Amino acid sequence: MNVKDLVEKFNLEVVAGPSLDKEIDGVYVGDLLSNVMARASQDNLWLTVQGHQNVVAVALLVDLSAVILVEDFEYDEAAVKKACQKGVNLLRTKRKAYKLACSLCESNI
């Protein structure tokens, strides 16, 4: 599944979507940036409550397919600008991380 299909299937808001054709391979859930850098894998989705520009830097470093901000949190303006410049997909949802992770698992993501 690619990010565009994910957005449609799970009714996610696209905050920055320069690379929606990127393929998804797994999910990482967490908010500690150092853990994401050490444990997330290339092409993973990242579910988090953090919306600052360091999230974009970590997504670039790990080469994630998208960041999904959960629980209706907002991205900082600087993060959105950087994501658009660097080609990082930023998505958003009102759902809790656990509920979204369960739905992603049920869809074999």
Protein backbone atom coordinates (compact mmCIF):
# COMPACT_ATOMS: atom_id res chain seq x y z
CA MET A 1 0.00 0.00 0.00
CA ASN A 2 1.23 3.50 -0.66
CA VAL A 3 0.62 6.64 1.41
CA LYS A 4 -2.12 7.93 -0.91
CA ASP A 5 -4.09 4.67 -0.52
CA LEU A 6 -3.58 4.82 3.25
CA VAL A 7 -4.94 8.38 3.40
CA GLU A 8 -8.08 7.34 1.53
CA LYS A 9 -8.63 4.09 3.45
CA PHE A 10 -8.19 5.61 6.92
CA ASN A 11 -9.55 9.10 6.19
CA LEU A 12 -6.34 10.86 7.22
CA GLU A 13 -5.69 14.56 6.80
CA VAL A 14 -2.74 15.41 4.55
CA VAL A 15 -0.84 18.33 6.08
CA ALA A 16 2.16 17.97 3.77
CA GLY A 17 2.05 15.41 0.99
CA PRO A 18 4.88 15.83 -1.48
CA SER A 19 5.48 12.06 -1.83
CA LEU A 20 2.13 10.30 -1.49
CA ASP A 21 3.20 7.56 -3.90
CA LYS A 22 5.74 6.27 -1.36
CA GLU A 23 5.23 2.63 -0.38
CA ILE A 24 4.60 1.63 3.24
CA ASP A 25 6.38 -1.24 4.98
CA GLY A 26 5.40 -1.46 8.62
CA VAL A 27 4.59 0.91 11.47
CA TYR A 28 6.53 2.39 14.37
CA VAL A 29 4.69 3.93 17.33
CA GLY A 30 6.58 6.15 19.74
CA ASP A 31 7.45 9.67 20.80
CA LEU A 32 11.10 9.44 21.86
CA LEU A 33 13.12 10.63 18.85
CA SER A 34 16.20 8.60 19.73
CA ASN A 35 14.11 5.40 19.81
CA VAL A 36 12.63 6.18 16.41
CA MET A 37 16.12 6.74 14.98
CA ALA A 38 17.35 3.47 16.48
CA ARG A 39 14.35 1.20 15.97
CA ALA A 40 12.12 2.39 13.12
CA SER A 41 12.83 0.98 9.67
CA GLN A 42 12.91 2.52 6.22
CA ASP A 43 9.43 2.96 4.70
CA ASN A 44 7.69 2.63 8.10
CA LEU A 45 4.80 4.85 9.10
CA TRP A 46 5.52 6.70 12.33
CA LEU A 47 2.65 7.36 14.75
CA THR A 48 3.44 10.11 17.27
CA VAL A 49 2.07 13.06 19.24
CA GLN A 50 5.05 15.25 18.39
CA GLY A 51 4.65 17.85 15.66
CA HIS A 52 7.84 19.92 15.76
CA GLN A 53 10.45 20.21 13.01
CA ASN A 54 12.79 17.62 14.59
CA VAL A 55 10.17 15.02 13.66
CA VAL A 56 10.77 15.90 10.01
CA ALA A 57 14.53 15.53 10.47
CA VAL A 58 14.09 12.07 12.00
CA ALA A 59 11.69 11.04 9.24
CA LEU A 60 14.33 12.05 6.69
CA LEU A 61 17.12 10.28 8.54
CA VAL A 62 15.22 6.98 8.75
CA ASP A 63 13.54 7.45 5.33
CA LEU A 64 10.02 6.92 6.67
CA SER A 65 7.06 6.78 4.31
CA ALA A 66 5.01 9.21 6.47
CA VAL A 67 4.53 10.67 9.92
CA ILE A 68 1.02 10.46 11.37
CA LEU A 69 0.23 12.90 14.15
CA VAL A 70 -2.44 11.30 16.33
CA GLU A 71 -4.98 12.52 18.92
CA ASP A 72 -5.72 15.72 16.99
CA PHE A 73 -2.37 17.32 17.80
CA GLU A 74 -1.11 20.05 15.43
CA TYR A 75 2.15 20.32 13.50
CA ASP A 76 4.29 23.42 14.03
CA GLU A 77 4.39 25.75 11.04
CA ALA A 78 8.17 25.24 10.79
CA ALA A 79 7.67 21.47 10.59
CA VAL A 80 5.18 21.77 7.75
CA LYS A 81 7.44 24.13 5.82
CA LYS A 82 10.45 21.84 6.26
CA ALA A 83 8.43 18.76 5.27
CA CYS A 84 7.29 20.42 2.05
CA GLN A 85 10.86 21.43 1.23
CA LYS A 86 12.36 18.02 2.04
CA GLY A 87 9.65 15.72 0.64
CA VAL A 88 8.32 14.32 3.93
CA ASN A 89 4.67 13.28 4.18
CA LEU A 90 2.90 14.65 7.26
CA LEU A 91 -0.53 13.24 8.05
CA ARG A 92 -2.96 13.85 10.89
CA THR A 93 -5.85 12.11 12.62
CA LYS A 94 -8.10 12.54 15.66
CA ARG A 95 -7.74 8.84 16.47
CA LYS A 96 -5.62 7.61 19.37
CA ALA A 97 -2.35 5.91 18.43
CA TYR A 98 -3.47 2.54 19.80
CA LYS A 99 -6.74 2.51 17.84
CA LEU A 100 -5.00 3.53 14.62
CA ALA A 101 -2.24 0.97 15.16
CA CYS A 102 -4.86 -1.76 15.66
CA SER A 103 -6.63 -0.74 12.44
CA LEU A 104 -3.33 -0.70 10.54
CA CYS A 105 -2.51 -4.16 11.89
CA GLU A 106 -5.93 -5.48 10.84
CA SER A 107 -5.14 -4.19 7.33
CA ASN A 108 -1.81 -6.07 7.34
CA ILE A 109 0.32 -2.94 7.38
